[in-house]
C-alpha atoms as a PDB file:
ATOM      1  CA  MET A   1      34.494 -28.075 -12.482  1.00  0.00           C
ATOM      2  CA  GLU A   2      30.735 -28.352 -12.036  1.00  0.00           C
ATOM      3  CA  GLN A   3      28.894 -25.010 -12.111  1.00  0.00           C
ATOM      4  CA  LYS A   4      26.717 -24.179  -9.120  1.00  0.00           C
ATOM      5  CA  ILE A   5      23.040 -23.727  -9.916  1.00  0.00           C
ATOM      6  CA  LYS A   6      22.078 -20.111  -9.302  1.00  0.00           C
ATOM      7  CA  ALA A   7      18.610 -20.314  -7.819  1.00  0.00           C
ATOM      8  CA  TYR A   8      16.752 -18.983  -4.805  1.00  0.00           C
ATOM      9  CA  ASP A   9      15.618 -21.555  -2.253  1.00  0.00           C
ATOM     10  CA  ASN A  10      12.052 -20.187  -2.338  1.00  0.00           C
ATOM     11  CA  ILE A  11      10.051 -17.135  -3.388  1.00  0.00           C
ATOM     12  CA  LEU A  12      10.444 -15.431  -0.007  1.00  0.00           C
ATOM     13  CA  GLU A  13      14.125 -14.750  -0.646  1.00  0.00           C
ATOM     14  CA  LEU A  14      12.998 -12.183  -3.232  1.00  0.00           C
ATOM     15  CA  VAL A  15      11.273  -9.912  -0.693  1.00  0.00           C
ATOM     16  CA  GLY A  16      12.791  -6.413  -0.522  1.00  0.00           C
ATOM     17  CA  ASN A  17      15.536  -4.635  -2.454  1.00  0.00           C
ATOM     18  CA  THR A  18      12.998  -3.193  -4.886  1.00  0.00           C
ATOM     19  CA  PRO A  19      14.250  -0.762  -7.551  1.00  0.00           C
ATOM     20  CA  LEU A  20      14.225   3.026  -7.480  1.00  0.00           C
ATOM     21  CA  VAL A  21      13.226   4.388 -10.902  1.00  0.00           C
ATOM     22  CA  ARG A  22      13.457   7.970 -12.150  1.00  0.00           C
ATOM     23  CA  LEU A  23      10.114   9.413 -13.269  1.00  0.00           C
ATOM     24  CA  ASN A  24      10.532  11.206 -16.588  1.00  0.00           C
ATOM     25  CA  LYS A  25       7.439  11.871 -18.694  1.00  0.00           C
ATOM     26  CA  ILE A  26       4.743  12.220 -16.028  1.00  0.00           C
ATOM     27  CA  THR A  27       6.900  14.792 -14.208  1.00  0.00           C
ATOM     28  CA  LYS A  28       7.788  16.795 -17.328  1.00  0.00           C
ATOM     29  CA  GLY A  29       7.782  20.450 -16.410  1.00  0.00           C
ATOM     30  CA  PHE A  30       8.001  19.723 -12.672  1.00  0.00           C
ATOM     31  CA  THR A  31      10.619  21.469 -10.545  1.00  0.00           C
ATOM     32  CA  GLY A  32      13.003  18.935  -8.973  1.00  0.00           C
ATOM     33  CA  ASN A  33      14.094  15.331  -9.470  1.00  0.00           C
ATOM     34  CA  PHE A  34      11.550  12.585  -8.913  1.00  0.00           C
ATOM     35  CA  PHE A  35      11.981   8.873  -8.251  1.00  0.00           C
ATOM     36  CA  ALA A  36       9.557   6.019  -7.576  1.00  0.00           C
ATOM     37  CA  LYS A  37      10.244   3.080  -5.263  1.00  0.00           C
ATOM     38  CA  ILE A  38       8.518   0.278  -7.198  1.00  0.00           C
ATOM     39  CA  GLU A  39       7.181  -2.111  -4.546  1.00  0.00           C
ATOM     40  CA  SER A  40       5.422  -4.308  -7.121  1.00  0.00           C
ATOM     41  CA  PHE A  41       8.853  -5.881  -7.712  1.00  0.00           C
ATOM     42  CA  ASN A  42       8.348  -7.803  -4.466  1.00  0.00           C
ATOM     43  CA  PRO A  43       7.270 -11.401  -5.200  1.00  0.00           C
ATOM     44  CA  GLY A  44       3.792 -10.722  -3.820  1.00  0.00           C
ATOM     45  CA  HIS A  45       3.636  -7.536  -5.922  1.00  0.00           C
ATOM     46  CA  SER A  46       3.327  -5.108  -2.995  1.00  0.00           C
ATOM     47  CA  SER A  47       5.131  -3.496  -0.070  1.00  0.00           C
ATOM     48  CA  LYS A  48       3.126  -5.718   2.283  1.00  0.00           C
ATOM     49  CA  ASP A  49       5.498  -8.637   1.630  1.00  0.00           C
ATOM     50  CA  ARG A  50       7.917  -6.857   3.941  1.00  0.00           C
ATOM     51  CA  ILE A  51       5.590  -6.777   6.951  1.00  0.00           C
ATOM     52  CA  ALA A  52       4.178 -10.267   6.360  1.00  0.00           C
ATOM     53  CA  MET A  53       7.681 -11.747   6.430  1.00  0.00           C
ATOM     54  CA  HIS A  54       8.847  -9.668   9.387  1.00  0.00           C
ATOM     55  CA  ILE A  55       5.814 -10.227  11.615  1.00  0.00           C
ATOM     56  CA  ILE A  56       5.506 -13.952  10.872  1.00  0.00           C
ATOM     57  CA  GLU A  57       9.208 -14.630  11.393  1.00  0.00           C
ATOM     58  CA  GLU A  58       9.113 -12.719  14.671  1.00  0.00           C
ATOM     59  CA  ALA A  59       6.160 -14.884  15.768  1.00  0.00           C
ATOM     60  CA  GLU A  60       8.189 -17.970  14.853  1.00  0.00           C
ATOM     61  CA  ARG A  61      11.159 -16.692  16.848  1.00  0.00           C
ATOM     62  CA  LYS A  62       8.887 -16.281  19.892  1.00  0.00           C
ATOM     63  CA  GLY A  63       7.474 -19.793  19.436  1.00  0.00           C
ATOM     64  CA  LEU A  64       3.957 -18.572  18.685  1.00  0.00           C
ATOM     65  CA  LEU A  65       3.747 -20.448  15.378  1.00  0.00           C
ATOM     66  CA  LYS A  66       4.208 -24.122  14.597  1.00  0.00           C
ATOM     67  CA  GLU A  67       3.556 -26.013  11.384  1.00  0.00           C
ATOM     68  CA  GLY A  68      -0.203 -26.214  10.897  1.00  0.00           C
ATOM     69  CA  SER A  69      -0.896 -23.051  12.933  1.00  0.00           C
ATOM     70  CA  THR A  70      -3.428 -20.537  11.603  1.00  0.00           C
ATOM     71  CA  ILE A  71      -2.631 -16.924  10.753  1.00  0.00           C
ATOM     72  CA  ILE A  72      -5.546 -14.460  10.797  1.00  0.00           C
ATOM     73  CA  GLU A  73      -5.534 -10.914   9.483  1.00  0.00           C
ATOM     74  CA  THR A  74      -7.599  -7.899   8.540  1.00  0.00           C
ATOM     75  CA  THR A  75      -6.702  -6.674   5.058  1.00  0.00           C
ATOM     76  CA  SER A  76      -7.741  -4.551   2.095  1.00  0.00           C
ATOM     77  CA  GLY A  77      -6.109  -7.261  -0.025  1.00  0.00           C
ATOM     78  CA  ASN A  78      -2.372  -6.731  -0.343  1.00  0.00           C
ATOM     79  CA  THR A  79      -1.345  -7.750   3.175  1.00  0.00           C
ATOM     80  CA  GLY A  80      -3.603 -10.768   2.867  1.00  0.00           C
ATOM     81  CA  PHE A  81      -1.926 -11.885  -0.336  1.00  0.00           C
ATOM     82  CA  SER A  82       1.508 -11.511   1.252  1.00  0.00           C
ATOM     83  CA  ILE A  83       0.458 -13.445   4.349  1.00  0.00           C
ATOM     84  CA  ALA A  84      -1.093 -16.176   2.208  1.00  0.00           C
ATOM     85  CA  MET A  85       2.123 -16.423   0.188  1.00  0.00           C
ATOM     86  CA  VAL A  86       4.316 -16.680   3.297  1.00  0.00           C
ATOM     87  CA  SER A  87       1.883 -19.182   4.854  1.00  0.00           C
ATOM     88  CA  ILE A  88       2.132 -21.497   1.841  1.00  0.00           C
ATOM     89  CA  ILE A  89       5.920 -21.639   2.042  1.00  0.00           C
ATOM     90  CA  LYS A  90       6.029 -22.013   5.819  1.00  0.00           C
ATOM     91  CA  GLY A  91       3.133 -24.449   6.186  1.00  0.00           C
ATOM     92  CA  TYR A  92       0.450 -22.385   7.939  1.00  0.00           C
ATOM     93  CA  ASP A  93      -3.291 -22.029   7.384  1.00  0.00           C
ATOM     94  CA  CYS A  94      -4.508 -18.543   6.520  1.00  0.00           C
ATOM     95  CA  ILE A  95      -7.845 -16.837   7.272  1.00  0.00           C
ATOM     96  CA  LEU A  96      -8.469 -13.297   6.029  1.00  0.00           C
ATOM     97  CA  ALA A  97     -11.183 -10.743   6.802  1.00  0.00           C
ATOM     98  CA  VAL A  98     -11.432  -8.456   3.778  1.00  0.00           C
ATOM     99  CA  SER A  99     -13.276  -5.190   3.189  1.00  0.00           C
ATOM    100  CA  SER A 100     -15.995  -5.358   0.537  1.00  0.00           C
ATOM    101  CA  LYS A 101     -14.308  -2.273  -0.965  1.00  0.00           C
ATOM    102  CA  SER A 102     -11.451  -4.534  -2.077  1.00  0.00           C
ATOM    103  CA  SER A 103     -11.493  -5.290  -5.778  1.00  0.00           C
ATOM    104  CA  ARG A 104     -12.850  -8.624  -6.995  1.00  0.00           C
ATOM    105  CA  ASP A 105      -9.381  -9.236  -8.446  1.00  0.00           C
ATOM    106  CA  LYS A 106      -7.833  -9.062  -4.986  1.00  0.00           C
ATOM    107  CA  ILE A 107     -10.432 -11.361  -3.432  1.00  0.00           C
ATOM    108  CA  ASP A 108      -9.997 -13.941  -6.201  1.00  0.00           C
ATOM    109  CA  MET A 109      -6.210 -13.763  -5.782  1.00  0.00           C
ATOM    110  CA  LEU A 110      -6.521 -14.447  -2.046  1.00  0.00           C
ATOM    111  CA  ARG A 111      -8.692 -17.497  -2.692  1.00  0.00           C
ATOM    112  CA  SER A 112      -6.289 -18.735  -5.345  1.00  0.00           C
ATOM    113  CA  MET A 113      -3.498 -18.616  -2.754  1.00  0.00           C
ATOM    114  CA  GLY A 114      -5.386 -21.011  -0.498  1.00  0.00           C
ATOM    115  CA  ALA A 115      -6.729 -18.478   2.002  1.00  0.00           C
ATOM    116  CA  THR A 116     -10.175 -18.689   3.587  1.00  0.00           C
ATOM    117  CA  VAL A 117     -11.728 -15.282   2.903  1.00  0.00           C
ATOM    118  CA  TYR A 118     -14.469 -13.448   4.818  1.00  0.00           C
ATOM    119  CA  VAL A 119     -15.773 -10.419   2.885  1.00  0.00           C
ATOM    120  CA  CYS A 120     -17.097  -7.795   5.311  1.00  0.00           C
ATOM    121  CA  PRO A 121     -19.119  -4.616   4.644  1.00  0.00           C
ATOM    122  CA  ALA A 122     -16.810  -1.633   4.129  1.00  0.00           C
ATOM    123  CA  HIS A 123     -19.027   1.223   5.217  1.00  0.00           C
ATOM    124  CA  VAL A 124     -19.675   0.295   8.848  1.00  0.00           C
ATOM    125  CA  SER A 125     -17.921   1.691  11.917  1.00  0.00           C
ATOM    126  CA  ALA A 126     -14.701   0.030  13.066  1.00  0.00           C
ATOM    127  CA  ASP A 127     -16.374  -1.327  16.221  1.00  0.00           C
ATOM    128  CA  ASP A 128     -19.367  -2.787  14.362  1.00  0.00           C
ATOM    129  CA  PRO A 129     -19.336  -6.607  14.767  1.00  0.00           C
ATOM    130  CA  ARG A 130     -19.588  -6.902  10.948  1.00  0.00           C
ATOM    131  CA  SER A 131     -16.468  -4.782  10.314  1.00  0.00           C
ATOM    132  CA  TYR A 132     -13.422  -6.618   9.098  1.00  0.00           C
ATOM    133  CA  TYR A 133     -11.585  -5.578  12.269  1.00  0.00           C
ATOM    134  CA  GLU A 134     -14.153  -7.214  14.551  1.00  0.00           C
ATOM    135  CA  VAL A 135     -14.639 -10.271  12.327  1.00  0.00           C
ATOM    136  CA  ALA A 136     -10.880 -10.961  12.418  1.00  0.00           C
ATOM    137  CA  LYS A 137     -10.845 -10.614  16.221  1.00  0.00           C
ATOM    138  CA  ARG A 138     -13.763 -13.050  16.543  1.00  0.00           C
ATOM    139  CA  LEU A 139     -12.139 -15.585  14.225  1.00  0.00           C
ATOM    140  CA  HIS A 140      -8.938 -15.360  16.263  1.00  0.00           C
ATOM    141  CA  GLN A 141     -10.863 -16.065  19.473  1.00  0.00           C
ATOM    142  CA  GLU A 142     -12.671 -19.002  17.859  1.00  0.00           C
ATOM    143  CA  THR A 143      -9.607 -20.593  16.197  1.00  0.00           C
ATOM    144  CA  LYS A 144      -7.395 -22.541  18.573  1.00  0.00           C
ATOM    145  CA  GLY A 145      -3.668 -21.942  18.178  1.00  0.00           C
ATOM    146  CA  SER A 146      -4.112 -18.979  15.850  1.00  0.00           C
ATOM    147  CA  ILE A 147      -2.253 -15.671  15.784  1.00  0.00           C
ATOM    148  CA  TYR A 148      -3.770 -12.360  14.722  1.00  0.00           C
ATOM    149  CA  ILE A 149      -1.343 -10.175  12.746  1.00  0.00           C
ATOM    150  CA  ASN A 150      -3.316  -6.980  13.555  1.00  0.00           C
ATOM    151  CA  GLN A 151      -1.250  -4.775  11.237  1.00  0.00           C
ATOM    152  CA  TYR A 152      -3.030  -1.569  12.253  1.00  0.00           C
ATOM    153  CA  PHE A 153      -1.883  -1.887  15.866  1.00  0.00           C
ATOM    154  CA  ASN A 154       1.317  -3.907  15.499  1.00  0.00           C
ATOM    155  CA  GLU A 155       4.592  -2.025  15.978  1.00  0.00           C
ATOM    156  CA  LEU A 156       6.340  -4.718  13.924  1.00  0.00           C
ATOM    157  CA  ASN A 157       4.551  -3.259  10.879  1.00  0.00           C
ATOM    158  CA  THR A 158       6.509  -0.029  11.327  1.00  0.00           C
ATOM    159  CA  GLU A 159       9.671  -1.890  12.326  1.00  0.00           C
ATOM    160  CA  ALA A 160       9.694  -3.879   9.064  1.00  0.00           C
ATOM    161  CA  HIS A 161      10.005  -0.692   7.007  1.00  0.00           C
ATOM    162  CA  TYR A 162      12.506   0.858   9.412  1.00  0.00           C
ATOM    163  CA  ALA A 163      14.691  -2.205   8.858  1.00  0.00           C
ATOM    164  CA  SER A 164      14.280  -2.466   5.081  1.00  0.00           C
ATOM    165  CA  THR A 165      12.510   0.249   3.060  1.00  0.00           C
ATOM    166  CA  GLY A 166      14.206   3.175   4.802  1.00  0.00           C
ATOM    167  CA  PRO A 167      17.778   1.831   4.473  1.00  0.00           C
ATOM    168  CA  GLU A 168      17.165   0.858   0.836  1.00  0.00           C
ATOM    169  CA  ILE A 169      15.981   4.354  -0.126  1.00  0.00           C
ATOM    170  CA  TRP A 170      18.855   5.981   1.748  1.00  0.00           C
ATOM    171  CA  GLU A 171      21.394   3.765  -0.009  1.00  0.00           C
ATOM    172  CA  GLN A 172      19.740   4.094  -3.441  1.00  0.00           C
ATOM    173  CA  THR A 173      19.732   7.907  -3.258  1.00  0.00           C
ATOM    174  CA  GLY A 174      23.241   8.082  -1.838  1.00  0.00           C
ATOM    175  CA  GLY A 175      21.754   9.957   1.112  1.00  0.00           C
ATOM    176  CA  GLN A 176      20.599  12.755  -1.208  1.00  0.00           C
ATOM    177  CA  ILE A 177      16.841  12.336  -0.662  1.00  0.00           C
ATOM    178  CA  THR A 178      15.134  15.591   0.367  1.00  0.00           C
ATOM    179  CA  HIS A 179      11.461  14.543   0.376  1.00  0.00           C
ATOM    180  CA  LEU A 180       9.498  11.311   0.863  1.00  0.00           C
ATOM    181  CA  VAL A 181       5.881  11.199  -0.316  1.00  0.00           C
ATOM    182  CA  ALA A 182       3.933   8.072   0.636  1.00  0.00           C
ATOM    183  CA  CYS A 183       0.370   6.940   1.193  1.00  0.00           C
ATOM    184  CA  SER A 184      -0.780   6.298   4.745  1.00  0.00           C
ATOM    185  CA  GLY A 185      -3.191   3.488   5.573  1.00  0.00           C
ATOM    186  CA  THR A 186      -1.946   1.445   8.508  1.00  0.00           C
ATOM    187  CA  GLY A 187       0.916   3.953   8.518  1.00  0.00           C
ATOM    188  CA  GLY A 188       3.620   1.315   8.827  1.00  0.00           C
ATOM    189  CA  THR A 189       5.334   2.084   5.523  1.00  0.00           C
ATOM    190  CA  ILE A 190       5.543   5.849   5.920  1.00  0.00           C
ATOM    191  CA  SER A 191       6.314   5.779   9.666  1.00  0.00           C
ATOM    192  CA  GLY A 192       9.081   3.174   9.578  1.00  0.00           C
ATOM    193  CA  THR A 193      10.688   4.557   6.430  1.00  0.00           C
ATOM    194  CA  SER A 194      10.529   8.104   7.774  1.00  0.00           C
ATOM    195  CA  ARG A 195      12.026   7.155  11.131  1.00  0.00           C
ATOM    196  CA  PHE A 196      15.091   5.681   9.455  1.00  0.00           C
ATOM    197  CA  LEU A 197      15.523   8.544   6.990  1.00  0.00           C
ATOM    198  CA  LYS A 198      15.131  11.237   9.652  1.00  0.00           C
ATOM    199  CA  GLU A 199      17.728   9.496  11.817  1.00  0.00           C
ATOM    200  CA  GLN A 200      20.151   9.915   8.931  1.00  0.00           C
ATOM    201  CA  ASN A 201      19.022  13.461   8.077  1.00  0.00           C
ATOM    202  CA  PRO A 202      16.373  15.250  10.194  1.00  0.00           C
ATOM    203  CA  ASN A 203      15.776  17.679   7.322  1.00  0.00           C
ATOM    204  CA  VAL A 204      14.197  15.044   5.067  1.00  0.00           C
ATOM    205  CA  GLU A 205      10.605  16.204   4.632  1.00  0.00           C
ATOM    206  CA  VAL A 206       7.960  13.475   4.863  1.00  0.00           C
ATOM    207  CA  ILE A 207       4.506  14.025   3.375  1.00  0.00           C
ATOM    208  CA  GLY A 208       1.660  11.582   3.928  1.00  0.00           C
ATOM    209  CA  VAL A 209      -1.140  11.076   1.420  1.00  0.00           C
ATOM    210  CA  ASP A 210      -4.672  10.741   2.765  1.00  0.00           C
ATOM    211  CA  ALA A 211      -8.108  10.282   1.206  1.00  0.00           C
ATOM    212  CA  TYR A 212     -11.170  12.495   1.486  1.00  0.00           C
ATOM    213  CA  GLY A 213     -13.434  10.542   3.847  1.00  0.00           C
ATOM    214  CA  SER A 214     -10.519   9.570   6.116  1.00  0.00           C
ATOM    215  CA  VAL A 215      -9.612  10.951   9.553  1.00  0.00           C
ATOM    216  CA  LEU A 216      -5.803  10.879   9.318  1.00  0.00           C
ATOM    217  CA  LYS A 217      -4.992  14.396   8.059  1.00  0.00           C
ATOM    218  CA  LYS A 218      -7.142  16.163  10.638  1.00  0.00           C
ATOM    219  CA  TYR A 219      -5.895  13.916  13.437  1.00  0.00           C
ATOM    220  CA  HIS A 220      -2.304  14.745  12.476  1.00  0.00           C
ATOM    221  CA  GLU A 221      -3.059  18.465  12.649  1.00  0.00           C
ATOM    222  CA  THR A 222      -5.224  18.509  15.791  1.00  0.00           C
ATOM    223  CA  ARG A 223      -4.587  15.159  17.543  1.00  0.00           C
ATOM    224  CA  GLU A 224      -8.363  14.868  17.741  1.00  0.00           C
ATOM    225  CA  PHE A 225     -10.428  12.064  16.188  1.00  0.00           C
ATOM    226  CA  ASP A 226     -13.305  13.632  14.256  1.00  0.00           C
ATOM    227  CA  SER A 227     -15.947  11.133  13.145  1.00  0.00           C
ATOM    228  CA  LYS A 228     -17.546  13.872  11.002  1.00  0.00           C
ATOM    229  CA  GLU A 229     -14.583  13.455   8.622  1.00  0.00           C
ATOM    230  CA  ILE A 230     -15.677   9.904   7.795  1.00  0.00           C
ATOM    231  CA  TYR A 231     -17.647   9.099   4.655  1.00  0.00           C
ATOM    232  CA  PRO A 232     -17.355   6.390   1.974  1.00  0.00           C
ATOM    233  CA  TYR A 233     -14.537   6.641  -0.553  1.00  0.00           C
ATOM    234  CA  ARG A 234     -13.187   4.255  -3.167  1.00  0.00           C
ATOM    235  CA  ILE A 235      -9.378   4.193  -2.881  1.00  0.00           C
ATOM    236  CA  GLU A 236      -8.203   0.948  -1.285  1.00  0.00           C
ATOM    237  CA  GLY A 237      -5.388   0.751   1.259  1.00  0.00           C
ATOM    238  CA  LEU A 238      -5.315   4.500   1.874  1.00  0.00           C
ATOM    239  CA  GLY A 239      -6.746   6.502   4.774  1.00  0.00           C
ATOM    240  CA  LYS A 240      -8.674   5.155   7.746  1.00  0.00           C
ATOM    241  CA  ASN A 241     -11.845   5.521   9.824  1.00  0.00           C
ATOM    242  CA  LEU A 242      -9.807   4.902  12.985  1.00  0.00           C
ATOM    243  CA  ILE A 243      -6.376   5.921  14.291  1.00  0.00           C
ATOM    244  CA  PRO A 244      -3.876   3.082  13.688  1.00  0.00           C
ATOM    245  CA  ALA A 245      -1.281   2.685  16.440  1.00  0.00           C
ATOM    246  CA  ALA A 246       1.189   1.658  13.721  1.00  0.00           C
ATOM    247  CA  THR A 247       1.198   5.276  12.499  1.00  0.00           C
ATOM    248  CA  ASP A 248       3.841   7.454  14.162  1.00  0.00           C
ATOM    249  CA  PHE A 249       2.383  10.873  13.433  1.00  0.00           C
ATOM    250  CA  ASP A 250       5.503  12.583  14.787  1.00  0.00           C
ATOM    251  CA  MET A 251       7.461  11.090  11.877  1.00  0.00           C
ATOM    252  CA  ILE A 252       5.180  12.749   9.295  1.00  0.00           C
ATOM    253  CA  ASP A 253       5.585  16.462   8.584  1.00  0.00           C
ATOM    254  CA  GLU A 254       2.242  16.992   6.898  1.00  0.00           C
ATOM    255  CA  PHE A 255      -0.639  15.284   5.099  1.00  0.00           C
ATOM    256  CA  ILE A 256      -2.212  16.086   1.756  1.00  0.00           C
ATOM    257  CA  LYS A 257      -5.576  14.735   0.570  1.00  0.00           C
ATOM    258  CA  VAL A 258      -6.439  13.425  -2.885  1.00  0.00           C
ATOM    259  CA  THR A 259      -9.724  12.537  -4.567  1.00  0.00           C
ATOM    260  CA  ASP A 260     -10.893   9.139  -5.772  1.00  0.00           C
ATOM    261  CA  SER A 261     -11.362  10.338  -9.340  1.00  0.00           C
ATOM    262  CA  GLU A 262      -8.046  12.150  -9.809  1.00  0.00           C
ATOM    263  CA  SER A 263      -6.129   9.274  -8.220  1.00  0.00           C
ATOM    264  CA  ALA A 264      -7.764   6.777 -10.581  1.00  0.00           C
ATOM    265  CA  HIS A 265      -6.957   8.850 -13.666  1.00  0.00           C
ATOM    266  CA  THR A 266      -3.402   9.409 -12.483  1.00  0.00           C
ATOM    267  CA  ALA A 267      -2.845   5.660 -12.002  1.00  0.00           C
ATOM    268  CA  ARG A 268      -3.818   5.181 -15.643  1.00  0.00           C
ATOM    269  CA  GLU A 269      -1.540   8.056 -16.618  1.00  0.00           C
ATOM    270  CA  ILE A 270       1.457   6.419 -14.893  1.00  0.00           C
ATOM    271  CA  ALA A 271       0.964   3.341 -17.063  1.00  0.00           C
ATOM    272  CA  LYS A 272       0.665   5.364 -20.279  1.00  0.00           C
ATOM    273  CA  THR A 273       3.616   7.678 -19.623  1.00  0.00           C
ATOM    274  CA  GLU A 274       6.171   5.687 -17.620  1.00  0.00           C
ATOM    275  CA  GLY A 275       5.205   2.139 -18.621  1.00  0.00           C
ATOM    276  CA  ILE A 276       4.760   1.292 -14.925  1.00  0.00           C
ATOM    277  CA  PHE A 277       1.546  -0.665 -14.372  1.00  0.00           C
ATOM    278  CA  ALA A 278       0.769   0.737 -10.951  1.00  0.00           C
ATOM    279  CA  GLY A 279      -2.092   0.314  -8.495  1.00  0.00           C
ATOM    280  CA  TYR A 280      -4.746   2.750  -7.244  1.00  0.00           C
ATOM    281  CA  THR A 281      -2.675   3.944  -4.269  1.00  0.00           C
ATOM    282  CA  SER A 282       0.247   4.609  -6.615  1.00  0.00           C
ATOM    283  CA  GLY A 283      -2.089   6.870  -8.555  1.00  0.00           C
ATOM    284  CA  ALA A 284      -2.978   8.580  -5.277  1.00  0.00           C
ATOM    285  CA  VAL A 285       0.647   9.270  -4.320  1.00  0.00           C
ATOM    286  CA  MET A 286       1.428  10.525  -7.830  1.00  0.00           C
ATOM    287  CA  GLN A 287      -1.628  12.783  -7.703  1.00  0.00           C
ATOM    288  CA  ALA A 288      -0.352  14.205  -4.405  1.00  0.00           C
ATOM    289  CA  LEU A 289       3.001  14.861  -6.082  1.00  0.00           C
ATOM    290  CA  LYS A 290       1.238  16.809  -8.832  1.00  0.00           C
ATOM    291  CA  GLN A 291      -0.586  18.935  -6.260  1.00  0.00           C
ATOM    292  CA  LEU A 292       2.605  19.610  -4.319  1.00  0.00           C
ATOM    293  CA  ASN A 293       4.420  20.626  -7.494  1.00  0.00           C
ATOM    294  CA  GLU A 294       1.584  22.947  -8.494  1.00  0.00           C
ATOM    295  CA  ALA A 295       1.861  24.558  -5.048  1.00  0.00           C
ATOM    296  CA  GLY A 296       5.545  25.282  -5.709  1.00  0.00           C
ATOM    297  CA  ARG A 297       6.821  23.029  -2.942  1.00  0.00           C
ATOM    298  CA  PHE A 298      10.009  21.792  -4.622  1.00  0.00           C
ATOM    299  CA  LYS A 299      13.319  23.359  -5.662  1.00  0.00           C
ATOM    300  CA  SER A 300      15.322  22.391  -8.735  1.00  0.00           C
ATOM    301  CA  ASP A 301      17.897  20.415  -6.744  1.00  0.00           C
ATOM    302  CA  ASP A 302      15.379  18.524  -4.578  1.00  0.00           C
ATOM    303  CA  ASN A 303      15.375  14.730  -4.799  1.00  0.00           C
ATOM    304  CA  VAL A 304      11.855  13.501  -4.164  1.00  0.00           C
ATOM    305  CA  VAL A 305      11.043   9.806  -3.627  1.00  0.00           C
ATOM    306  CA  VAL A 306       7.486   8.468  -3.904  1.00  0.00           C
ATOM    307  CA  ILE A 307       6.510   4.934  -2.950  1.00  0.00           C
ATOM    308  CA  PHE A 308       4.351   3.039  -5.469  1.00  0.00           C
ATOM    309  CA  PRO A 309       2.887   0.359  -3.155  1.00  0.00           C
ATOM    310  CA  ASP A 310       1.438  -2.271  -5.505  1.00  0.00           C
ATOM    311  CA  HIS A 311       0.691  -3.518  -9.010  1.00  0.00           C
ATOM    312  CA  GLY A 312      -2.069  -2.510 -11.412  1.00  0.00           C
ATOM    313  CA  SER A 313      -3.142  -6.114 -12.039  1.00  0.00           C
ATOM    314  CA  ARG A 314      -5.066  -5.955  -8.750  1.00  0.00           C
ATOM    315  CA  TYR A 315      -7.362  -3.280 -10.131  1.00  0.00           C
ATOM    316  CA  MET A 316      -8.401  -4.667 -13.515  1.00  0.00           C
ATOM    317  CA  SER A 317     -12.072  -4.637 -12.503  1.00  0.00           C
ATOM    318  CA  LYS A 318     -11.754  -1.128 -11.065  1.00  0.00           C
ATOM    319  CA  VAL A 319      -9.322   1.612 -12.106  1.00  0.00           C
ATOM    320  CA  TYR A 320      -8.365  -0.128 -15.359  1.00  0.00           C
ATOM    321  CA  SER A 321     -11.969  -0.932 -16.292  1.00  0.00           C
ATOM    322  CA  ASP A 322     -13.612   1.737 -18.446  1.00  0.00           C
ATOM    323  CA  GLN A 323     -17.010   0.479 -17.309  1.00  0.00           C
ATOM    324  CA  TRP A 324     -16.141   0.849 -13.604  1.00  0.00           C
ATOM    325  CA  MET A 325     -14.685   4.317 -14.192  1.00  0.00           C
ATOM    326  CA  GLU A 326     -17.848   5.332 -16.020  1.00  0.00           C
ATOM    327  CA  ASP A 327     -20.074   3.820 -13.304  1.00  0.00           C
ATOM    328  CA  GLN A 328     -18.269   5.919 -10.670  1.00  0.00           C
ATOM    329  CA  GLY A 329     -18.783   9.080 -12.716  1.00  0.00           C
ATOM    330  CA  PHE A 330     -15.025   9.474 -13.107  1.00  0.00           C
ATOM    331  CA  PHE A 331     -15.326  10.331 -16.789  1.00  0.00           C
ATOM    332  CA  ASP A 332     -17.385  13.440 -16.000  1.00  0.00           C
ATOM    333  CA  THR A 333     -14.286  15.632 -15.797  1.00  0.00           C
ATOM    334  CA  LYS A 334     -12.124  13.794 -18.340  1.00  0.00           C
ATOM    335  CA  LYS A 335     -12.722  12.947 -21.957  1.00  0.00           C
ATOM    336  CA  VAL A 336     -13.792   9.357 -22.499  1.00  0.00           C
ATOM    337  CA  GLU A 337     -11.630   9.448 -25.633  1.00  0.00           C
ATOM    338  CA  GLU A 338      -8.601   9.259 -23.322  1.00  0.00           C
ATOM    339  CA  THR A 339      -9.236   5.536 -22.879  1.00  0.00           C
ATOM    340  CA  GLN A 340      -7.818   2.964 -25.230  1.00  0.00           C
ATOM    341  CA  LYS A 341     -10.447   1.691 -27.630  1.00  0.00           C
ATOM    342  CA  ILE A 342     -10.557  -1.930 -28.773  1.00  0.00           C
ATOM    343  CA  GLN A 343     -11.013  -2.621 -32.474  1.00  0.00           C
ATOM    344  CA  TYR A 344     -12.460  -6.007 -33.437  1.00  0.00           C
ATOM    345  CA  ILE A 345     -11.690  -7.389 -36.912  1.00  0.00           C
ATOM    346  CA  LYS A 346     -14.471  -9.523 -38.388  1.00  0.00           C
ATOM    347  CA  GLU A 347     -13.644 -13.205 -38.637  1.00  0.00           C
END
C-alpha cells in the first residue's frame, strides 16, 4: 500500500499552536512557576502571523480581496512581514509603511518578501502627514482596489488572539494559569488573549508591559491621554503615542513600564540562559517579570505565562550588536565583558 506523503499544503498551515516552554535558568530564585509562549515558532517568526491570517481571510470572506488586490498596512516590522508572507501565498500585492525606528534587518526582510516599503520618521506625532499612520492612509486612498489592515484600530486584531492564543494557553496550562504578562503595542495580543482567559477564570491576573515614552500605562490608570508622557524610546512594537482601539483596557489589570537598556540586556540574557533567541520585546516582557518578582508579586504555586512575541534574528543590527548597544550607552550600567568576544586566528 502506497504511503501518503505527510506535507503541509503551504506555509500558512503552520500558523498558531506555538509551544509553551518552562523558563528555568533565567528565573532561578524566583517565586512561582514560569512559562514562555514562544511565538517565533510561527512560520513568519512572530505572533503577528495570527492577525495577518485572520484579518486577510475575513476580508476574503467579505469579498473585499481578489487576486491581484493590494494590501496596505502600518507596521513596526513584524505585522508587515506576516502580511507579506500571506500575500505571496494568496496572490496579493503588499505595500507597507514602516517606522524608521524599525531595525534595518526588519526592513530588509520586508523587501526580500516582495513588499513595497515606505520608511517614515518615527518621532513625529501620529497625525503628522509623514507618520507611518498617515502615509498608510494616503497610500490606501491613492491605490485603487486596496484594503488597509489598520491593526491599531481593527477589532479583528483582538479577535485573532481570542480565537487562537488564548485557547492555546488555556489548554497548554490545563487551565492552571494564574498570571499572563504580555507586551502591549496595538494591544491585540494581550486584549484578545486576556478576554478568553478571563472568560474561563476571572481571577487570572493580566499585566501589560509598556515603555517609558509611551502613553498606555497612564491612560489605563486615568483614562486620560497625556501627550507629556511621549518622548522617543528605542523598543520596537511596544507602547504607543496614541490610544489604539484594538486595546481593551478593561481586560488588563495593570501596566508596568520597562526601560530600553534593561530590556535589551534581558533579551541577550534570555539567549544565554535559556537558549531562546528572542526579540527586543521578549526582553521587555522578561524584564517586567523580573521587576514583578522583585516586588514579591508571585506565590510559590502561581503559574505565570509570558508571551515572547518574535525572534532575535530581527534585531541583529540592534540588540545583538555590541556596537549598537555601545552607541546607545547601554553598556554604561553593565560590564562590556559580558558580551561574547570574537577571536580571530591568523591565516
